[in-house]
Amino acid sequence: MSSSVLFQTAGELERRVQNALVNRYGLRARSVEVVAENETVTIRATVRSFYARQLLIHGCLRVPGVRTVIDEICVEG
């Protein structure tokens, strides 16, 4: 891992995760709340399927600097 990833702020990590989710999955930024602390990201959203939930979780984990995802995703229905 590069030092730039290791020393990023929580706000930078939150933006990187939001951007990754928007770019990869076409999610609207306001439909997903991302909160970062150290290398842990908490994600809050309401989705329509278990599959969409899994995409969000795995999408977060693919962002450099994220080690842990706290899942606060609600599946409708």
N, C-alpha and C. Protein backbone atom coordinates (compact mmCIF):
# COMPACT_ATOMS: atom_id res chain seq x y z
N MET A 1 0.83 -1.17 0.00
CA MET A 1 0.00 0.00 0.00
C MET A 1 0.87 1.24 0.00
N SER A 2 0.49 2.24 -0.74
CA SER A 2 1.29 3.45 -0.80
C SER A 2 1.08 4.30 0.44
N SER A 3 2.05 5.14 0.76
CA SER A 3 1.94 5.98 1.94
C SER A 3 0.79 6.97 1.80
N SER A 4 0.43 7.37 0.58
CA SER A 4 -0.69 8.30 0.41
C SER A 4 -2.00 7.67 0.87
N VAL A 5 -2.14 6.35 0.71
CA VAL A 5 -3.34 5.67 1.18
C VAL A 5 -3.30 5.55 2.69
N LEU A 6 -2.14 5.28 3.25
CA LEU A 6 -2.03 5.10 4.68
C LEU A 6 -2.29 6.37 5.47
N PHE A 7 -2.00 7.53 4.88
CA PHE A 7 -2.11 8.78 5.61
C PHE A 7 -3.26 9.66 5.14
N GLN A 8 -4.26 9.08 4.51
CA GLN A 8 -5.39 9.88 4.07
C GLN A 8 -6.32 10.19 5.25
N THR A 9 -7.07 11.26 5.12
CA THR A 9 -8.01 11.63 6.17
C THR A 9 -9.29 10.83 6.01
N ALA A 10 -10.11 10.85 7.05
CA ALA A 10 -11.40 10.15 7.00
C ALA A 10 -12.25 10.72 5.86
N GLY A 11 -12.23 12.04 5.71
CA GLY A 11 -13.02 12.67 4.64
C GLY A 11 -12.57 12.24 3.26
N GLU A 12 -11.27 12.10 3.06
CA GLU A 12 -10.75 11.65 1.77
C GLU A 12 -11.19 10.22 1.49
N LEU A 13 -11.12 9.37 2.50
CA LEU A 13 -11.54 7.97 2.33
C LEU A 13 -13.03 7.90 2.03
N GLU A 14 -13.83 8.69 2.73
CA GLU A 14 -15.28 8.72 2.47
C GLU A 14 -15.55 9.11 1.01
N ARG A 15 -14.87 10.14 0.53
CA ARG A 15 -15.05 10.58 -0.86
C ARG A 15 -14.62 9.50 -1.84
N ARG A 16 -13.52 8.84 -1.56
CA ARG A 16 -13.03 7.79 -2.47
C ARG A 16 -14.02 6.63 -2.54
N VAL A 17 -14.59 6.26 -1.40
CA VAL A 17 -15.58 5.17 -1.38
C VAL A 17 -16.84 5.62 -2.13
N GLN A 18 -17.34 6.81 -1.84
CA GLN A 18 -18.54 7.32 -2.54
C GLN A 18 -18.31 7.33 -4.05
N ASN A 19 -17.16 7.85 -4.47
CA ASN A 19 -16.86 7.91 -5.90
C ASN A 19 -16.80 6.53 -6.52
N ALA A 20 -16.19 5.59 -5.83
CA ALA A 20 -16.10 4.22 -6.34
C ALA A 20 -17.48 3.61 -6.51
N LEU A 21 -18.36 3.81 -5.54
CA LEU A 21 -19.70 3.25 -5.63
C LEU A 21 -20.51 3.90 -6.74
N VAL A 22 -20.36 5.20 -6.91
CA VAL A 22 -21.07 5.90 -7.98
C VAL A 22 -20.54 5.45 -9.34
N ASN A 23 -19.22 5.40 -9.49
CA ASN A 23 -18.61 5.05 -10.78
C ASN A 23 -18.83 3.59 -11.15
N ARG A 24 -18.72 2.68 -10.20
CA ARG A 24 -18.86 1.25 -10.51
C ARG A 24 -20.30 0.80 -10.64
N TYR A 25 -21.18 1.33 -9.78
CA TYR A 25 -22.53 0.79 -9.71
C TYR A 25 -23.61 1.80 -10.07
N GLY A 26 -23.21 3.02 -10.40
CA GLY A 26 -24.17 4.03 -10.81
C GLY A 26 -25.08 4.50 -9.69
N LEU A 27 -24.64 4.37 -8.46
CA LEU A 27 -25.45 4.80 -7.33
C LEU A 27 -25.42 6.31 -7.21
N ARG A 28 -26.52 6.87 -6.79
CA ARG A 28 -26.55 8.30 -6.50
C ARG A 28 -25.84 8.52 -5.17
N ALA A 29 -24.98 9.52 -5.12
CA ALA A 29 -24.18 9.77 -3.92
C ALA A 29 -25.03 9.98 -2.69
N ARG A 30 -26.19 10.60 -2.84
CA ARG A 30 -27.00 10.86 -1.66
C ARG A 30 -27.81 9.64 -1.22
N SER A 31 -27.84 8.59 -2.02
CA SER A 31 -28.60 7.40 -1.63
C SER A 31 -27.81 6.49 -0.70
N VAL A 32 -26.51 6.76 -0.55
CA VAL A 32 -25.64 5.95 0.29
C VAL A 32 -24.86 6.88 1.21
N GLU A 33 -24.90 6.58 2.50
CA GLU A 33 -24.11 7.36 3.45
C GLU A 33 -22.87 6.57 3.83
N VAL A 34 -21.73 7.20 3.72
CA VAL A 34 -20.46 6.56 4.04
C VAL A 34 -19.77 7.37 5.13
N VAL A 35 -19.38 6.69 6.20
CA VAL A 35 -18.64 7.32 7.30
C VAL A 35 -17.37 6.51 7.51
N ALA A 36 -16.24 7.19 7.51
CA ALA A 36 -14.95 6.50 7.67
C ALA A 36 -14.27 6.93 8.96
N GLU A 37 -13.63 5.96 9.58
CA GLU A 37 -12.79 6.23 10.73
C GLU A 37 -11.62 5.25 10.66
N ASN A 38 -10.42 5.79 10.55
CA ASN A 38 -9.23 4.98 10.32
C ASN A 38 -9.44 4.17 9.05
N GLU A 39 -9.34 2.88 9.10
CA GLU A 39 -9.52 2.03 7.92
C GLU A 39 -10.87 1.32 7.92
N THR A 40 -11.78 1.81 8.76
CA THR A 40 -13.12 1.23 8.88
C THR A 40 -14.14 2.16 8.25
N VAL A 41 -14.99 1.59 7.41
CA VAL A 41 -16.04 2.35 6.74
C VAL A 41 -17.39 1.81 7.19
N THR A 42 -18.25 2.71 7.63
CA THR A 42 -19.64 2.35 7.92
C THR A 42 -20.48 2.80 6.75
N ILE A 43 -21.31 1.90 6.25
CA ILE A 43 -22.14 2.23 5.09
C ILE A 43 -23.61 2.07 5.48
N ARG A 44 -24.38 3.12 5.20
CA ARG A 44 -25.82 3.13 5.49
C ARG A 44 -26.56 3.38 4.18
N ALA A 45 -27.53 2.52 3.91
CA ALA A 45 -28.31 2.66 2.68
C ALA A 45 -29.52 1.75 2.78
N THR A 46 -30.48 2.00 1.91
CA THR A 46 -31.59 1.09 1.73
C THR A 46 -31.53 0.63 0.28
N VAL A 47 -31.51 -0.69 0.10
CA VAL A 47 -31.40 -1.26 -1.25
C VAL A 47 -32.57 -2.21 -1.49
N ARG A 48 -32.73 -2.61 -2.73
CA ARG A 48 -33.87 -3.45 -3.10
C ARG A 48 -33.61 -4.94 -3.03
N SER A 49 -32.33 -5.33 -2.93
CA SER A 49 -32.04 -6.77 -2.93
C SER A 49 -30.78 -7.09 -2.12
N PHE A 50 -30.68 -8.35 -1.75
CA PHE A 50 -29.48 -8.84 -1.07
C PHE A 50 -28.27 -8.68 -1.98
N TYR A 51 -28.47 -8.90 -3.28
CA TYR A 51 -27.39 -8.74 -4.25
C TYR A 51 -26.84 -7.31 -4.25
N ALA A 52 -27.73 -6.33 -4.24
CA ALA A 52 -27.29 -4.93 -4.20
C ALA A 52 -26.52 -4.65 -2.92
N ARG A 53 -26.95 -5.23 -1.82
CA ARG A 53 -26.24 -5.08 -0.54
C ARG A 53 -24.83 -5.63 -0.66
N GLN A 54 -24.69 -6.80 -1.23
CA GLN A 54 -23.38 -7.42 -1.41
C GLN A 54 -22.48 -6.58 -2.31
N LEU A 55 -23.06 -6.01 -3.37
CA LEU A 55 -22.28 -5.14 -4.25
C LEU A 55 -21.71 -3.95 -3.49
N LEU A 56 -22.52 -3.34 -2.64
CA LEU A 56 -22.05 -2.20 -1.86
C LEU A 56 -20.91 -2.59 -0.93
N ILE A 57 -21.09 -3.67 -0.23
CA ILE A 57 -20.06 -4.11 0.72
C ILE A 57 -18.76 -4.42 0.00
N HIS A 58 -18.85 -5.21 -1.05
CA HIS A 58 -17.63 -5.59 -1.78
C HIS A 58 -17.03 -4.40 -2.53
N GLY A 59 -17.88 -3.48 -2.98
CA GLY A 59 -17.38 -2.27 -3.62
C GLY A 59 -16.56 -1.44 -2.65
N CYS A 60 -17.01 -1.35 -1.40
CA CYS A 60 -16.25 -0.63 -0.37
C CYS A 60 -14.91 -1.31 -0.10
N LEU A 61 -14.94 -2.61 0.01
CA LEU A 61 -13.72 -3.35 0.35
C LEU A 61 -12.66 -3.27 -0.76
N ARG A 62 -13.08 -2.95 -1.98
CA ARG A 62 -12.13 -2.84 -3.10
C ARG A 62 -11.39 -1.51 -3.11
N VAL A 63 -11.83 -0.55 -2.30
CA VAL A 63 -11.19 0.77 -2.27
C VAL A 63 -9.92 0.68 -1.41
N PRO A 64 -8.78 1.06 -1.96
CA PRO A 64 -7.55 1.04 -1.17
C PRO A 64 -7.69 1.89 0.09
N GLY A 65 -7.29 1.32 1.21
CA GLY A 65 -7.38 2.02 2.49
C GLY A 65 -8.51 1.51 3.35
N VAL A 66 -9.45 0.75 2.78
CA VAL A 66 -10.56 0.19 3.55
C VAL A 66 -10.20 -1.22 3.98
N ARG A 67 -10.22 -1.46 5.28
CA ARG A 67 -9.95 -2.80 5.79
C ARG A 67 -11.22 -3.47 6.29
N THR A 68 -12.12 -2.68 6.87
CA THR A 68 -13.33 -3.22 7.48
C THR A 68 -14.53 -2.41 7.04
N VAL A 69 -15.65 -3.11 6.79
CA VAL A 69 -16.90 -2.44 6.46
C VAL A 69 -17.94 -2.82 7.52
N ILE A 70 -18.51 -1.80 8.12
CA ILE A 70 -19.62 -2.02 9.05
C ILE A 70 -20.90 -1.84 8.22
N ASP A 71 -21.67 -2.89 8.14
CA ASP A 71 -22.85 -2.96 7.28
C ASP A 71 -24.10 -2.48 8.05
N GLU A 72 -24.59 -1.32 7.67
CA GLU A 72 -25.86 -0.83 8.18
C GLU A 72 -26.82 -0.63 7.00
N ILE A 73 -26.80 -1.62 6.11
CA ILE A 73 -27.61 -1.58 4.89
C ILE A 73 -28.91 -2.32 5.13
N CYS A 74 -30.00 -1.68 4.78
CA CYS A 74 -31.33 -2.27 4.92
C CYS A 74 -31.79 -2.76 3.56
N VAL A 75 -32.28 -3.98 3.52
CA VAL A 75 -32.82 -4.54 2.28
C VAL A 75 -34.35 -4.42 2.34
N GLU A 76 -34.94 -3.73 1.38
CA GLU A 76 -36.40 -3.57 1.33
C GLU A 76 -37.08 -4.89 1.02
N GLY A 77 -38.30 -5.00 1.51
CA GLY A 77 -39.12 -6.13 1.11
C GLY A 77 -39.00 -7.27 1.99
